[in-house]
Amino acid sequence: MVFTKTYVGYGVVALLIELHSSVLHSRVLFKMYNGPAGNFQDNKYYRWIKNLNMVFFFLFRFSALIYISYALWRDYYQVPNLAIYLFLSLAVLVILFLSVLLFFRVFKSDFMTPDPQTDKTFQAIKEGLNSTEKLSNRASLDNKASGDAIIAAKKILSLSSSTSSASLVS
């Protein structure tokens, strides 16, 4: 039975995932330390960490989850209740799905460079900055005093928030 046996081996295998988490967190800390202005992609230590991260993904995270899935399938007769078995199976599947999602996100950010012409996020940020510059230039040209510019900015913000809330209602 699952509740009366210790199953230390499964716990140890599950803790192998945490070995990968330490490398994943060191990658994030390295990116934070160098900041957004720092060119961390060209740093030899970052290249070493990102390659080690991919090796640890397969060696510790995926292999541990696949082994736990296999062991759960192999030792199904030791689980006392069908509801517990379904819960454990669902939990392992969710963790495996989230790990695959995490792998693709990390792989995309580390090994695939975004193209500024086709990247929608880059274009949205660029358009947002351009519209903000146009609004600030229009406000400064129309209203010479700084107080009038603040009033105009408040009106623009209230109009944009009322149109967005009106679109949510309709």
C-alpha atoms as a PDB file:
ATOM      1  CA  MET A   1       0.000   0.000   0.000  1.00  0.00           C
ATOM      2  CA  VAL A   2       1.170   3.492  -0.781  1.00  0.00           C
ATOM      3  CA  PHE A   3       0.396   4.951   2.630  1.00  0.00           C
ATOM      4  CA  THR A   4       2.072   2.272   4.729  1.00  0.00           C
ATOM      5  CA  LYS A   5       5.271   1.805   2.692  1.00  0.00           C
ATOM      6  CA  THR A   6       7.977   4.401   2.640  1.00  0.00           C
ATOM      7  CA  TYR A   7       8.722   4.678  -1.123  1.00  0.00           C
ATOM      8  CA  VAL A   8      11.956   6.513  -0.429  1.00  0.00           C
ATOM      9  CA  GLY A   9      13.304   5.537  -3.855  1.00  0.00           C
ATOM     10  CA  TYR A  10      10.498   7.388  -5.647  1.00  0.00           C
ATOM     11  CA  GLY A  11      11.106  10.424  -3.471  1.00  0.00           C
ATOM     12  CA  VAL A  12      14.801  10.386  -4.316  1.00  0.00           C
ATOM     13  CA  VAL A  13      14.012  10.143  -8.032  1.00  0.00           C
ATOM     14  CA  ALA A  14      11.564  13.029  -7.677  1.00  0.00           C
ATOM     15  CA  LEU A  15      14.258  15.081  -5.944  1.00  0.00           C
ATOM     16  CA  LEU A  16      16.482  14.690  -9.021  1.00  0.00           C
ATOM     17  CA  ILE A  17      14.212  17.264 -10.640  1.00  0.00           C
ATOM     18  CA  GLU A  18      15.433  19.756  -8.067  1.00  0.00           C
ATOM     19  CA  LEU A  19      18.999  19.320  -9.339  1.00  0.00           C
ATOM     20  CA  HIS A  20      17.805  20.737 -12.619  1.00  0.00           C
ATOM     21  CA  SER A  21      16.043  23.559 -10.803  1.00  0.00           C
ATOM     22  CA  SER A  22      19.346  24.747  -9.337  1.00  0.00           C
ATOM     23  CA  VAL A  23      20.857  25.119 -12.810  1.00  0.00           C
ATOM     24  CA  LEU A  24      17.677  26.769 -14.087  1.00  0.00           C
ATOM     25  CA  HIS A  25      17.735  29.284 -11.241  1.00  0.00           C
ATOM     26  CA  SER A  26      21.441  30.018 -11.745  1.00  0.00           C
ATOM     27  CA  ARG A  27      20.634  30.827 -15.388  1.00  0.00           C
ATOM     28  CA  VAL A  28      17.934  33.281 -14.307  1.00  0.00           C
ATOM     29  CA  LEU A  29      20.202  34.841 -11.681  1.00  0.00           C
ATOM     30  CA  PHE A  30      22.943  35.289 -14.271  1.00  0.00           C
ATOM     31  CA  LYS A  31      20.514  37.068 -16.586  1.00  0.00           C
ATOM     32  CA  MET A  32      19.321  39.300 -13.741  1.00  0.00           C
ATOM     33  CA  TYR A  33      22.857  40.120 -12.643  1.00  0.00           C
ATOM     34  CA  ASN A  34      23.890  41.284 -16.116  1.00  0.00           C
ATOM     35  CA  GLY A  35      20.644  43.166 -16.547  1.00  0.00           C
ATOM     36  CA  PRO A  36      18.694  43.901 -19.709  1.00  0.00           C
ATOM     37  CA  ALA A  37      21.420  46.190 -21.041  1.00  0.00           C
ATOM     38  CA  GLY A  38      24.170  43.615 -20.478  1.00  0.00           C
ATOM     39  CA  ASN A  39      25.138  41.398 -23.363  1.00  0.00           C
ATOM     40  CA  PHE A  40      24.876  38.130 -21.461  1.00  0.00           C
ATOM     41  CA  GLN A  41      24.312  35.990 -24.581  1.00  0.00           C
ATOM     42  CA  ASP A  42      27.975  36.399 -25.581  1.00  0.00           C
ATOM     43  CA  ASN A  43      29.363  35.633 -22.130  1.00  0.00           C
ATOM     44  CA  LYS A  44      31.188  32.292 -21.966  1.00  0.00           C
ATOM     45  CA  TYR A  45      29.789  31.503 -18.530  1.00  0.00           C
ATOM     46  CA  TYR A  46      26.230  32.059 -19.707  1.00  0.00           C
ATOM     47  CA  ARG A  47      26.830  29.815 -22.721  1.00  0.00           C
ATOM     48  CA  TRP A  48      28.154  27.150 -20.346  1.00  0.00           C
ATOM     49  CA  ILE A  49      25.111  27.519 -18.059  1.00  0.00           C
ATOM     50  CA  LYS A  50      22.582  27.361 -20.895  1.00  0.00           C
ATOM     51  CA  ASN A  51      24.181  24.215 -22.354  1.00  0.00           C
ATOM     52  CA  LEU A  52      24.367  22.611 -18.913  1.00  0.00           C
ATOM     53  CA  ASN A  53      20.722  23.545 -18.453  1.00  0.00           C
ATOM     54  CA  MET A  54      19.730  21.573 -21.562  1.00  0.00           C
ATOM     55  CA  VAL A  55      21.750  18.548 -20.441  1.00  0.00           C
ATOM     56  CA  PHE A  56      20.175  18.682 -16.970  1.00  0.00           C
ATOM     57  CA  PHE A  57      16.713  19.024 -18.537  1.00  0.00           C
ATOM     58  CA  PHE A  58      17.052  15.629 -20.161  1.00  0.00           C
ATOM     59  CA  LEU A  59      19.280  13.939 -17.611  1.00  0.00           C
ATOM     60  CA  PHE A  60      17.388  14.845 -14.457  1.00  0.00           C
ATOM     61  CA  ARG A  61      13.973  16.346 -15.214  1.00  0.00           C
ATOM     62  CA  PHE A  62      12.666  14.321 -18.159  1.00  0.00           C
ATOM     63  CA  SER A  63      14.303  11.028 -17.250  1.00  0.00           C
ATOM     64  CA  ALA A  64      13.013  11.263 -13.664  1.00  0.00           C
ATOM     65  CA  LEU A  65       9.473  12.055 -14.784  1.00  0.00           C
ATOM     66  CA  ILE A  66       9.474   9.297 -17.380  1.00  0.00           C
ATOM     67  CA  TYR A  67      10.773   6.810 -14.802  1.00  0.00           C
ATOM     68  CA  ILE A  68       8.115   7.843 -12.275  1.00  0.00           C
ATOM     69  CA  SER A  69       5.427   7.488 -14.962  1.00  0.00           C
ATOM     70  CA  TYR A  70       6.723   4.049 -15.902  1.00  0.00           C
ATOM     71  CA  ALA A  71       6.952   2.924 -12.271  1.00  0.00           C
ATOM     72  CA  LEU A  72       3.425   4.137 -11.601  1.00  0.00           C
ATOM     73  CA  TRP A  73       2.202   2.131 -14.609  1.00  0.00           C
ATOM     74  CA  ARG A  74       4.293  -0.902 -13.649  1.00  0.00           C
ATOM     75  CA  ASP A  75       3.284  -0.967  -9.973  1.00  0.00           C
ATOM     76  CA  TYR A  76      -0.382  -0.074 -10.399  1.00  0.00           C
ATOM     77  CA  TYR A  77      -1.467  -3.051  -8.311  1.00  0.00           C
ATOM     78  CA  GLN A  78       0.192  -1.579  -5.212  1.00  0.00           C
ATOM     79  CA  VAL A  79      -2.026   1.497  -5.221  1.00  0.00           C
ATOM     80  CA  PRO A  80      -4.996   0.692  -2.946  1.00  0.00           C
ATOM     81  CA  ASN A  81      -7.639   2.796  -4.662  1.00  0.00           C
ATOM     82  CA  LEU A  82      -8.493   3.700  -8.255  1.00  0.00           C
ATOM     83  CA  ALA A  83      -9.093   7.349  -7.268  1.00  0.00           C
ATOM     84  CA  ILE A  84      -5.602   7.626  -5.786  1.00  0.00           C
ATOM     85  CA  TYR A  85      -4.093   5.992  -8.865  1.00  0.00           C
ATOM     86  CA  LEU A  86      -5.914   8.425 -11.162  1.00  0.00           C
ATOM     87  CA  PHE A  87      -4.843  11.369  -9.018  1.00  0.00           C
ATOM     88  CA  LEU A  88      -1.190  10.296  -9.069  1.00  0.00           C
ATOM     89  CA  SER A  89      -1.302   9.650 -12.813  1.00  0.00           C
ATOM     90  CA  LEU A  90      -2.877  13.032 -13.472  1.00  0.00           C
ATOM     91  CA  ALA A  91      -0.335  14.787 -11.247  1.00  0.00           C
ATOM     92  CA  VAL A  92       2.600  13.187 -13.075  1.00  0.00           C
ATOM     93  CA  LEU A  93       1.069  14.045 -16.463  1.00  0.00           C
ATOM     94  CA  VAL A  94       0.548  17.678 -15.456  1.00  0.00           C
ATOM     95  CA  ILE A  95       4.128  17.972 -14.204  1.00  0.00           C
ATOM     96  CA  LEU A  96       5.413  16.354 -17.404  1.00  0.00           C
ATOM     97  CA  PHE A  97       3.327  18.726 -19.544  1.00  0.00           C
ATOM     98  CA  LEU A  98       4.564  21.761 -17.621  1.00  0.00           C
ATOM     99  CA  SER A  99       8.147  20.541 -17.947  1.00  0.00           C
ATOM    100  CA  VAL A 100       7.797  20.234 -21.720  1.00  0.00           C
ATOM    101  CA  LEU A 101       6.340  23.742 -21.821  1.00  0.00           C
ATOM    102  CA  LEU A 102       9.219  25.049 -19.705  1.00  0.00           C
ATOM    103  CA  PHE A 103      11.724  23.300 -21.962  1.00  0.00           C
ATOM    104  CA  PHE A 104      10.365  24.970 -25.095  1.00  0.00           C
ATOM    105  CA  ARG A 105      10.281  28.403 -23.437  1.00  0.00           C
ATOM    106  CA  VAL A 106      13.873  28.092 -22.215  1.00  0.00           C
ATOM    107  CA  PHE A 107      15.032  26.684 -25.559  1.00  0.00           C
ATOM    108  CA  LYS A 108      13.376  29.543 -27.439  1.00  0.00           C
ATOM    109  CA  SER A 109      14.861  32.230 -25.203  1.00  0.00           C
ATOM    110  CA  ASP A 110      18.373  30.741 -25.182  1.00  0.00           C
ATOM    111  CA  PHE A 111      18.898  29.276 -28.618  1.00  0.00           C
ATOM    112  CA  MET A 112      16.515  31.059 -30.964  1.00  0.00           C
ATOM    113  CA  THR A 113      17.101  34.758 -31.563  1.00  0.00           C
ATOM    114  CA  PRO A 114      13.931  36.732 -32.260  1.00  0.00           C
ATOM    115  CA  ASP A 115      13.599  38.508 -35.583  1.00  0.00           C
ATOM    116  CA  PRO A 116      12.560  42.137 -34.901  1.00  0.00           C
ATOM    117  CA  GLN A 117      10.613  42.265 -38.172  1.00  0.00           C
ATOM    118  CA  THR A 118       8.383  39.265 -37.440  1.00  0.00           C
ATOM    119  CA  ASP A 119       8.299  39.234 -33.638  1.00  0.00           C
ATOM    120  CA  LYS A 120       4.823  40.454 -32.591  1.00  0.00           C
ATOM    121  CA  THR A 121       5.945  41.418 -29.099  1.00  0.00           C
ATOM    122  CA  PHE A 122       8.733  43.602 -30.469  1.00  0.00           C
ATOM    123  CA  GLN A 123       6.332  45.272 -32.904  1.00  0.00           C
ATOM    124  CA  ALA A 124       3.730  45.906 -30.193  1.00  0.00           C
ATOM    125  CA  ILE A 125       6.318  47.541 -27.945  1.00  0.00           C
ATOM    126  CA  LYS A 126       7.592  49.641 -30.839  1.00  0.00           C
ATOM    127  CA  GLU A 127       4.064  50.773 -31.779  1.00  0.00           C
ATOM    128  CA  GLY A 128       3.263  51.537 -28.151  1.00  0.00           C
ATOM    129  CA  LEU A 129       6.363  53.735 -27.833  1.00  0.00           C
ATOM    130  CA  ASN A 130       5.555  55.542 -31.066  1.00  0.00           C
ATOM    131  CA  SER A 131       1.968  56.262 -30.013  1.00  0.00           C
ATOM    132  CA  THR A 132       3.173  57.509 -26.629  1.00  0.00           C
ATOM    133  CA  GLU A 133       5.651  59.846 -28.325  1.00  0.00           C
ATOM    134  CA  LYS A 134       2.919  61.145 -30.655  1.00  0.00           C
ATOM    135  CA  LEU A 135       0.587  61.807 -27.726  1.00  0.00           C
ATOM    136  CA  SER A 136       3.280  63.599 -25.746  1.00  0.00           C
ATOM    137  CA  ASN A 137       4.305  65.694 -28.771  1.00  0.00           C
ATOM    138  CA  ARG A 138       0.680  66.603 -29.524  1.00  0.00           C
ATOM    139  CA  ALA A 139       0.045  67.551 -25.894  1.00  0.00           C
ATOM    140  CA  SER A 140       3.149  69.725 -25.728  1.00  0.00           C
ATOM    141  CA  LEU A 141       2.347  71.487 -29.014  1.00  0.00           C
ATOM    142  CA  ASP A 142      -1.331  72.074 -28.288  1.00  0.00           C
ATOM    143  CA  ASN A 143      -0.846  73.129 -24.695  1.00  0.00           C
ATOM    144  CA  LYS A 144       2.075  75.403 -24.011  1.00  0.00           C
ATOM    145  CA  ALA A 145       1.835  75.312 -20.225  1.00  0.00           C
ATOM    146  CA  SER A 146       2.771  72.213 -18.296  1.00  0.00           C
ATOM    147  CA  GLY A 147      -0.479  72.275 -16.363  1.00  0.00           C
ATOM    148  CA  ASP A 148      -2.462  72.079 -19.583  1.00  0.00           C
ATOM    149  CA  ALA A 149      -0.334  69.138 -20.725  1.00  0.00           C
ATOM    150  CA  ILE A 150      -1.116  67.258 -17.504  1.00  0.00           C
ATOM    151  CA  ILE A 151      -4.840  67.916 -17.943  1.00  0.00           C
ATOM    152  CA  ALA A 152      -4.671  66.717 -21.545  1.00  0.00           C
ATOM    153  CA  ALA A 153      -2.828  63.556 -20.509  1.00  0.00           C
ATOM    154  CA  LYS A 154      -5.478  62.844 -17.863  1.00  0.00           C
ATOM    155  CA  LYS A 155      -8.216  63.283 -20.482  1.00  0.00           C
ATOM    156  CA  ILE A 156      -6.427  60.916 -22.861  1.00  0.00           C
ATOM    157  CA  LEU A 157      -6.031  58.330 -20.124  1.00  0.00           C
ATOM    158  CA  SER A 158      -9.681  58.620 -19.070  1.00  0.00           C
ATOM    159  CA  LEU A 159     -10.836  58.303 -22.703  1.00  0.00           C
ATOM    160  CA  SER A 160      -8.674  55.234 -23.298  1.00  0.00           C
ATOM    161  CA  SER A 161      -9.854  53.569 -20.090  1.00  0.00           C
ATOM    162  CA  SER A 162     -13.521  54.329 -20.851  1.00  0.00           C
ATOM    163  CA  THR A 163     -13.225  52.908 -24.374  1.00  0.00           C
ATOM    164  CA  SER A 164     -11.521  49.764 -23.102  1.00  0.00           C
ATOM    165  CA  SER A 165     -14.180  49.259 -20.429  1.00  0.00           C
ATOM    166  CA  ALA A 166     -16.921  49.940 -22.981  1.00  0.00           C
ATOM    167  CA  SER A 167     -15.440  47.294 -25.274  1.00  0.00           C
ATOM    168  CA  LEU A 168     -15.398  44.838 -22.383  1.00  0.00           C
ATOM    169  CA  VAL A 169     -19.081  45.498 -21.648  1.00  0.00           C
ATOM    170  CA  SER A 170     -20.244  45.077 -25.233  1.00  0.00           C
END
